[in-house]
Amino acid sequence: MPKMKTRKAAAKRFHVTGSGKIRFKKSGLRHILTKKSSKRKSDLRKPGFITSKTTEKTIKVMMPYAN
């Protein structure tokens, strides 16, 4: 059976942790930062985690070899 292909766009954006959660980088921290509060910017620095089970399954299908 041939190898399954990984969707490279998903592989660049998501990372599966050891416990199986899907981690991603939050958006909105590249430019136009002066109008954003310090609290908002510090929250954007922290990783986000996928909470929807449906989205989680979709991402795991796109990355068959990520745990």
PDB file of N, CA and C in Angstrom:
ATOM      1  N   MET A   1       0.841  -1.185   0.000  1.00  0.00           N
ATOM      2  CA  MET A   1       0.000   0.000   0.000  1.00  0.00           C
ATOM      3  C   MET A   1       0.887   1.251   0.000  1.00  0.00           C
ATOM      4  N   PRO A   2       0.589   2.236  -0.855  1.00  0.00           N
ATOM      5  CA  PRO A   2       1.439   3.426  -0.904  1.00  0.00           C
ATOM      6  C   PRO A   2       1.297   4.280   0.346  1.00  0.00           C
ATOM      7  N   LYS A   3       2.292   5.105   0.526  1.00  0.00           N
ATOM      8  CA  LYS A   3       2.261   6.011   1.670  1.00  0.00           C
ATOM      9  C   LYS A   3       1.154   7.043   1.501  1.00  0.00           C
ATOM     10  N   MET A   4       0.571   7.453   2.632  1.00  0.00           N
ATOM     11  CA  MET A   4      -0.453   8.501   2.592  1.00  0.00           C
ATOM     12  C   MET A   4       0.239   9.852   2.577  1.00  0.00           C
ATOM     13  N   LYS A   5      -0.351  10.793   1.876  1.00  0.00           N
ATOM     14  CA  LYS A   5       0.251  12.124   1.796  1.00  0.00           C
ATOM     15  C   LYS A   5      -0.281  13.029   2.894  1.00  0.00           C
ATOM     16  N   THR A   6       0.626  13.842   3.438  1.00  0.00           N
ATOM     17  CA  THR A   6       0.278  14.840   4.435  1.00  0.00           C
ATOM     18  C   THR A   6      -0.079  16.133   3.728  1.00  0.00           C
ATOM     19  N   ARG A   7      -1.154  16.780   4.177  1.00  0.00           N
ATOM     20  CA  ARG A   7      -1.477  18.112   3.652  1.00  0.00           C
ATOM     21  C   ARG A   7      -0.486  19.090   4.261  1.00  0.00           C
ATOM     22  N   LYS A   8       0.407  19.616   3.431  1.00  0.00           N
ATOM     23  CA  LYS A   8       1.490  20.456   3.936  1.00  0.00           C
ATOM     24  C   LYS A   8       0.992  21.754   4.555  1.00  0.00           C
ATOM     25  N   ALA A   9      -0.112  22.290   4.054  1.00  0.00           N
ATOM     26  CA  ALA A   9      -0.666  23.516   4.635  1.00  0.00           C
ATOM     27  C   ALA A   9      -1.069  23.278   6.088  1.00  0.00           C
ATOM     28  N   ALA A  10      -1.655  22.115   6.362  1.00  0.00           N
ATOM     29  CA  ALA A  10      -2.058  21.792   7.734  1.00  0.00           C
ATOM     30  C   ALA A  10      -0.837  21.507   8.606  1.00  0.00           C
ATOM     31  N   ALA A  11       0.160  20.830   8.044  1.00  0.00           N
ATOM     32  CA  ALA A  11       1.358  20.492   8.803  1.00  0.00           C
ATOM     33  C   ALA A  11       2.120  21.740   9.247  1.00  0.00           C
ATOM     34  N   LYS A  12       2.042  22.811   8.441  1.00  0.00           N
ATOM     35  CA  LYS A  12       2.733  24.051   8.784  1.00  0.00           C
ATOM     36  C   LYS A  12       1.999  24.825   9.874  1.00  0.00           C
ATOM     37  N   ARG A  13       0.697  24.600  10.010  1.00  0.00           N
ATOM     38  CA  ARG A  13      -0.116  25.403  10.920  1.00  0.00           C
ATOM     39  C   ARG A  13      -0.453  24.725  12.233  1.00  0.00           C
ATOM     40  N   PHE A  14      -0.467  23.396  12.246  1.00  0.00           N
ATOM     41  CA  PHE A  14      -0.908  22.666  13.431  1.00  0.00           C
ATOM     42  C   PHE A  14       0.170  21.712  13.918  1.00  0.00           C
ATOM     43  N   HIS A  15       0.137  21.434  15.221  1.00  0.00           N
ATOM     44  CA  HIS A  15       1.080  20.508  15.828  1.00  0.00           C
ATOM     45  C   HIS A  15       0.308  19.647  16.815  1.00  0.00           C
ATOM     46  N   VAL A  16       0.491  18.325  16.748  1.00  0.00           N
ATOM     47  CA  VAL A  16      -0.196  17.431  17.669  1.00  0.00           C
ATOM     48  C   VAL A  16       0.697  17.204  18.875  1.00  0.00           C
ATOM     49  N   THR A  17       0.163  17.450  20.076  1.00  0.00           N
ATOM     50  CA  THR A  17       0.925  17.290  21.302  1.00  0.00           C
ATOM     51  C   THR A  17       0.983  15.817  21.688  1.00  0.00           C
ATOM     52  N   GLY A  18       1.748  15.517  22.715  1.00  0.00           N
ATOM     53  CA  GLY A  18       1.885  14.141  23.173  1.00  0.00           C
ATOM     54  C   GLY A  18       0.586  13.547  23.665  1.00  0.00           C
ATOM     55  N   SER A  19      -0.272  14.389  24.234  1.00  0.00           N
ATOM     56  CA  SER A  19      -1.553  13.894  24.742  1.00  0.00           C
ATOM     57  C   SER A  19      -2.628  13.833  23.666  1.00  0.00           C
ATOM     58  N   GLY A  20      -2.297  14.281  22.433  1.00  0.00           N
ATOM     59  CA  GLY A  20      -3.236  14.187  21.326  1.00  0.00           C
ATOM     60  C   GLY A  20      -3.984  15.468  21.012  1.00  0.00           C
ATOM     61  N   LYS A  21      -3.738  16.540  21.778  1.00  0.00           N
ATOM     62  CA  LYS A  21      -4.391  17.813  21.485  1.00  0.00           C
ATOM     63  C   LYS A  21      -3.728  18.455  20.267  1.00  0.00           C
ATOM     64  N   ILE A  22      -4.474  19.302  19.580  1.00  0.00           N
ATOM     65  CA  ILE A  22      -3.932  20.002  18.411  1.00  0.00           C
ATOM     66  C   ILE A  22      -3.692  21.454  18.778  1.00  0.00           C
ATOM     67  N   ARG A  23      -2.441  21.864  18.644  1.00  0.00           N
ATOM     68  CA  ARG A  23      -2.011  23.213  19.018  1.00  0.00           C
ATOM     69  C   ARG A  23      -1.805  24.033  17.757  1.00  0.00           C
ATOM     70  N   PHE A  24      -2.098  25.338  17.846  1.00  0.00           N
ATOM     71  CA  PHE A  24      -1.886  26.228  16.707  1.00  0.00           C
ATOM     72  C   PHE A  24      -1.467  27.599  17.208  1.00  0.00           C
ATOM     73  N   LYS A  25      -0.917  28.418  16.309  1.00  0.00           N
ATOM     74  CA  LYS A  25      -0.518  29.786  16.634  1.00  0.00           C
ATOM     75  C   LYS A  25      -1.688  30.707  16.360  1.00  0.00           C
ATOM     76  N   LYS A  26      -1.983  31.569  17.308  1.00  0.00           N
ATOM     77  CA  LYS A  26      -3.090  32.506  17.137  1.00  0.00           C
ATOM     78  C   LYS A  26      -2.714  33.598  16.151  1.00  0.00           C
ATOM     79  N   SER A  27      -3.699  34.103  15.448  1.00  0.00           N
ATOM     80  CA  SER A  27      -3.450  35.139  14.451  1.00  0.00           C
ATOM     81  C   SER A  27      -3.635  36.524  15.066  1.00  0.00           C
ATOM     82  N   GLY A  28      -3.140  37.535  14.376  1.00  0.00           N
ATOM     83  CA  GLY A  28      -3.363  38.916  14.787  1.00  0.00           C
ATOM     84  C   GLY A  28      -2.198  39.566  15.487  1.00  0.00           C
ATOM     85  N   LEU A  29      -0.991  38.974  15.372  1.00  0.00           N
ATOM     86  CA  LEU A  29       0.154  39.533  16.093  1.00  0.00           C
ATOM     87  C   LEU A  29       1.271  39.957  15.141  1.00  0.00           C
ATOM     88  N   ARG A  30       0.934  40.202  13.888  1.00  0.00           N
ATOM     89  CA  ARG A  30       1.956  40.555  12.903  1.00  0.00           C
ATOM     90  C   ARG A  30       2.104  42.067  12.702  1.00  0.00           C
ATOM     91  N   HIS A  31       0.990  42.770  12.602  1.00  0.00           N
ATOM     92  CA  HIS A  31       1.072  44.214  12.370  1.00  0.00           C
ATOM     93  C   HIS A  31      -0.175  44.866  12.963  1.00  0.00           C
ATOM     94  N   ILE A  32      -0.214  46.196  12.899  1.00  0.00           N
ATOM     95  CA  ILE A  32      -1.285  46.996  13.521  1.00  0.00           C
ATOM     96  C   ILE A  32      -1.407  46.630  14.999  1.00  0.00           C
ATOM     97  N   LEU A  33      -0.294  46.758  15.714  1.00  0.00           N
ATOM     98  CA  LEU A  33      -0.260  46.346  17.116  1.00  0.00           C
ATOM     99  C   LEU A  33      -0.505  47.506  18.077  1.00  0.00           C
ATOM    100  N   THR A  34      -0.467  48.745  17.587  1.00  0.00           N
ATOM    101  CA  THR A  34      -0.566  49.886  18.504  1.00  0.00           C
ATOM    102  C   THR A  34      -1.945  50.010  19.121  1.00  0.00           C
ATOM    103  N   LYS A  35      -2.990  49.625  18.406  1.00  0.00           N
ATOM    104  CA  LYS A  35      -4.341  49.755  18.951  1.00  0.00           C
ATOM    105  C   LYS A  35      -4.741  48.580  19.842  1.00  0.00           C
ATOM    106  N   LYS A  36      -3.916  47.543  19.896  1.00  0.00           N
ATOM    107  CA  LYS A  36      -4.237  46.369  20.711  1.00  0.00           C
ATOM    108  C   LYS A  36      -3.625  46.514  22.104  1.00  0.00           C
ATOM    109  N   SER A  37      -4.376  46.099  23.100  1.00  0.00           N
ATOM    110  CA  SER A  37      -3.903  46.234  24.478  1.00  0.00           C
ATOM    111  C   SER A  37      -2.791  45.225  24.769  1.00  0.00           C
ATOM    112  N   SER A  38      -2.009  45.498  25.804  1.00  0.00           N
ATOM    113  CA  SER A  38      -0.923  44.598  26.187  1.00  0.00           C
ATOM    114  C   SER A  38      -1.454  43.233  26.577  1.00  0.00           C
ATOM    115  N   LYS A  39      -2.600  43.213  27.254  1.00  0.00           N
ATOM    116  CA  LYS A  39      -3.213  41.940  27.659  1.00  0.00           C
ATOM    117  C   LYS A  39      -3.610  41.124  26.441  1.00  0.00           C
ATOM    118  N   ARG A  40      -4.192  41.784  25.458  1.00  0.00           N
ATOM    119  CA  ARG A  40      -4.609  41.084  24.238  1.00  0.00           C
ATOM    120  C   ARG A  40      -3.404  40.526  23.494  1.00  0.00           C
ATOM    121  N   LYS A  41      -2.323  41.316  23.425  1.00  0.00           N
ATOM    122  CA  LYS A  41      -1.125  40.868  22.724  1.00  0.00           C
ATOM    123  C   LYS A  41      -0.459  39.706  23.444  1.00  0.00           C
ATOM    124  N   SER A  42      -0.457  39.729  24.768  1.00  0.00           N
ATOM    125  CA  SER A  42       0.158  38.627  25.506  1.00  0.00           C
ATOM    126  C   SER A  42      -0.685  37.363  25.390  1.00  0.00           C
ATOM    127  N   ASP A  43      -1.999  37.508  25.303  1.00  0.00           N
ATOM    128  CA  ASP A  43      -2.858  36.340  25.092  1.00  0.00           C
ATOM    129  C   ASP A  43      -2.659  35.751  23.696  1.00  0.00           C
ATOM    130  N   LEU A  44      -2.373  36.605  22.713  1.00  0.00           N
ATOM    131  CA  LEU A  44      -2.142  36.119  21.352  1.00  0.00           C
ATOM    132  C   LEU A  44      -0.814  35.373  21.231  1.00  0.00           C
ATOM    133  N   ARG A  45       0.130  35.643  22.147  1.00  0.00           N
ATOM    134  CA  ARG A  45       1.411  34.941  22.112  1.00  0.00           C
ATOM    135  C   ARG A  45       1.287  33.493  22.562  1.00  0.00           C
ATOM    136  N   LYS A  46       0.291  33.205  23.388  1.00  0.00           N
ATOM    137  CA  LYS A  46       0.105  31.842  23.898  1.00  0.00           C
ATOM    138  C   LYS A  46      -0.500  30.957  22.804  1.00  0.00           C
ATOM    139  N   PRO A  47      -0.171  29.668  22.816  1.00  0.00           N
ATOM    140  CA  PRO A  47      -0.742  28.791  21.789  1.00  0.00           C
ATOM    141  C   PRO A  47      -2.231  28.571  21.999  1.00  0.00           C
ATOM    142  N   GLY A  48      -2.930  28.345  20.910  1.00  0.00           N
ATOM    143  CA  GLY A  48      -4.338  28.002  20.978  1.00  0.00           C
ATOM    144  C   GLY A  48      -4.496  26.502  20.783  1.00  0.00           C
ATOM    145  N   PHE A  49      -5.591  25.960  21.280  1.00  0.00           N
ATOM    146  CA  PHE A  49      -5.858  24.537  21.131  1.00  0.00           C
ATOM    147  C   PHE A  49      -7.224  24.357  20.482  1.00  0.00           C
ATOM    148  N   ILE A  50      -7.326  23.388  19.592  1.00  0.00           N
ATOM    149  CA  ILE A  50      -8.593  23.085  18.925  1.00  0.00           C
ATOM    150  C   ILE A  50      -9.531  22.456  19.946  1.00  0.00           C
ATOM    151  N   THR A  51     -10.735  23.009  20.065  1.00  0.00           N
ATOM    152  CA  THR A  51     -11.698  22.490  21.031  1.00  0.00           C
ATOM    153  C   THR A  51     -12.810  21.701  20.358  1.00  0.00           C
ATOM    154  N   SER A  52     -13.070  21.966  19.091  1.00  0.00           N
ATOM    155  CA  SER A  52     -14.139  21.276  18.376  1.00  0.00           C
ATOM    156  C   SER A  52     -13.677  19.883  17.960  1.00  0.00           C
ATOM    157  N   LYS A  53     -14.439  18.856  18.321  1.00  0.00           N
ATOM    158  CA  LYS A  53     -14.086  17.480  17.972  1.00  0.00           C
ATOM    159  C   LYS A  53     -14.144  17.258  16.456  1.00  0.00           C
ATOM    160  N   THR A  54     -15.088  17.925  15.791  1.00  0.00           N
ATOM    161  CA  THR A  54     -15.228  17.779  14.343  1.00  0.00           C
ATOM    162  C   THR A  54     -14.004  18.343  13.630  1.00  0.00           C
ATOM    163  N   THR A  55     -13.568  19.529  14.041  1.00  0.00           N
ATOM    164  CA  THR A  55     -12.383  20.150  13.441  1.00  0.00           C
ATOM    165  C   THR A  55     -11.140  19.323  13.738  1.00  0.00           C
ATOM    166  N   GLU A  56     -11.071  18.788  14.948  1.00  0.00           N
ATOM    167  CA  GLU A  56      -9.928  17.965  15.347  1.00  0.00           C
ATOM    168  C   GLU A  56      -9.808  16.727  14.455  1.00  0.00           C
ATOM    169  N   LYS A  57     -10.921  16.075  14.176  1.00  0.00           N
ATOM    170  CA  LYS A  57     -10.903  14.898  13.304  1.00  0.00           C
ATOM    171  C   LYS A  57     -10.456  15.266  11.898  1.00  0.00           C
ATOM    172  N   THR A  58     -10.935  16.406  11.396  1.00  0.00           N
ATOM    173  CA  THR A  58     -10.568  16.855  10.054  1.00  0.00           C
ATOM    174  C   THR A  58      -9.071  17.096   9.945  1.00  0.00           C
ATOM    175  N   ILE A  59      -8.500  17.738  10.949  1.00  0.00           N
ATOM    176  CA  ILE A  59      -7.068  18.048  10.932  1.00  0.00           C
ATOM    177  C   ILE A  59      -6.253  16.766  11.033  1.00  0.00           C
ATOM    178  N   LYS A  60      -6.704  15.827  11.844  1.00  0.00           N
ATOM    179  CA  LYS A  60      -5.959  14.573  11.984  1.00  0.00           C
ATOM    180  C   LYS A  60      -5.995  13.745  10.699  1.00  0.00           C
ATOM    181  N   VAL A  61      -7.073  13.874   9.909  1.00  0.00           N
ATOM    182  CA  VAL A  61      -7.124  13.205   8.605  1.00  0.00           C
ATOM    183  C   VAL A  61      -6.101  13.831   7.662  1.00  0.00           C
ATOM    184  N   MET A  62      -5.913  15.152   7.760  1.00  0.00           N
ATOM    185  CA  MET A  62      -4.970  15.842   6.894  1.00  0.00           C
ATOM    186  C   MET A  62      -3.512  15.503   7.227  1.00  0.00           C
ATOM    187  N   MET A  63      -3.281  15.105   8.482  1.00  0.00           N
ATOM    188  CA  MET A  63      -1.918  14.775   8.918  1.00  0.00           C
ATOM    189  C   MET A  63      -1.901  13.335   9.451  1.00  0.00           C
ATOM    190  N   PRO A  64      -1.850  12.345   8.566  1.00  0.00           N
ATOM    191  CA  PRO A  64      -1.984  10.958   8.991  1.00  0.00           C
ATOM    192  C   PRO A  64      -0.851  10.435   9.871  1.00  0.00           C
ATOM    193  N   TYR A  65       0.316  11.029   9.806  1.00  0.00           N
ATOM    194  CA  TYR A  65       1.461  10.520  10.560  1.00  0.00           C
ATOM    195  C   TYR A  65       1.783  11.341  11.790  1.00  0.00           C
ATOM    196  N   ALA A  66       0.935  12.292  12.144  1.00  0.00           N
ATOM    197  CA  ALA A  66       1.170  13.125  13.327  1.00  0.00           C
ATOM    198  C   ALA A  66       0.509  12.469  14.532  1.00  0.00           C
ATOM    199  N   ASN A  67       1.203  11.514  15.130  1.00  0.00           N
ATOM    200  CA  ASN A  67       0.731  10.747  16.304  1.00  0.00           C
ATOM    201  C   ASN A  67      -0.627  10.172  16.028  1.00  0.00           C
TER     202      ASN A  67
END
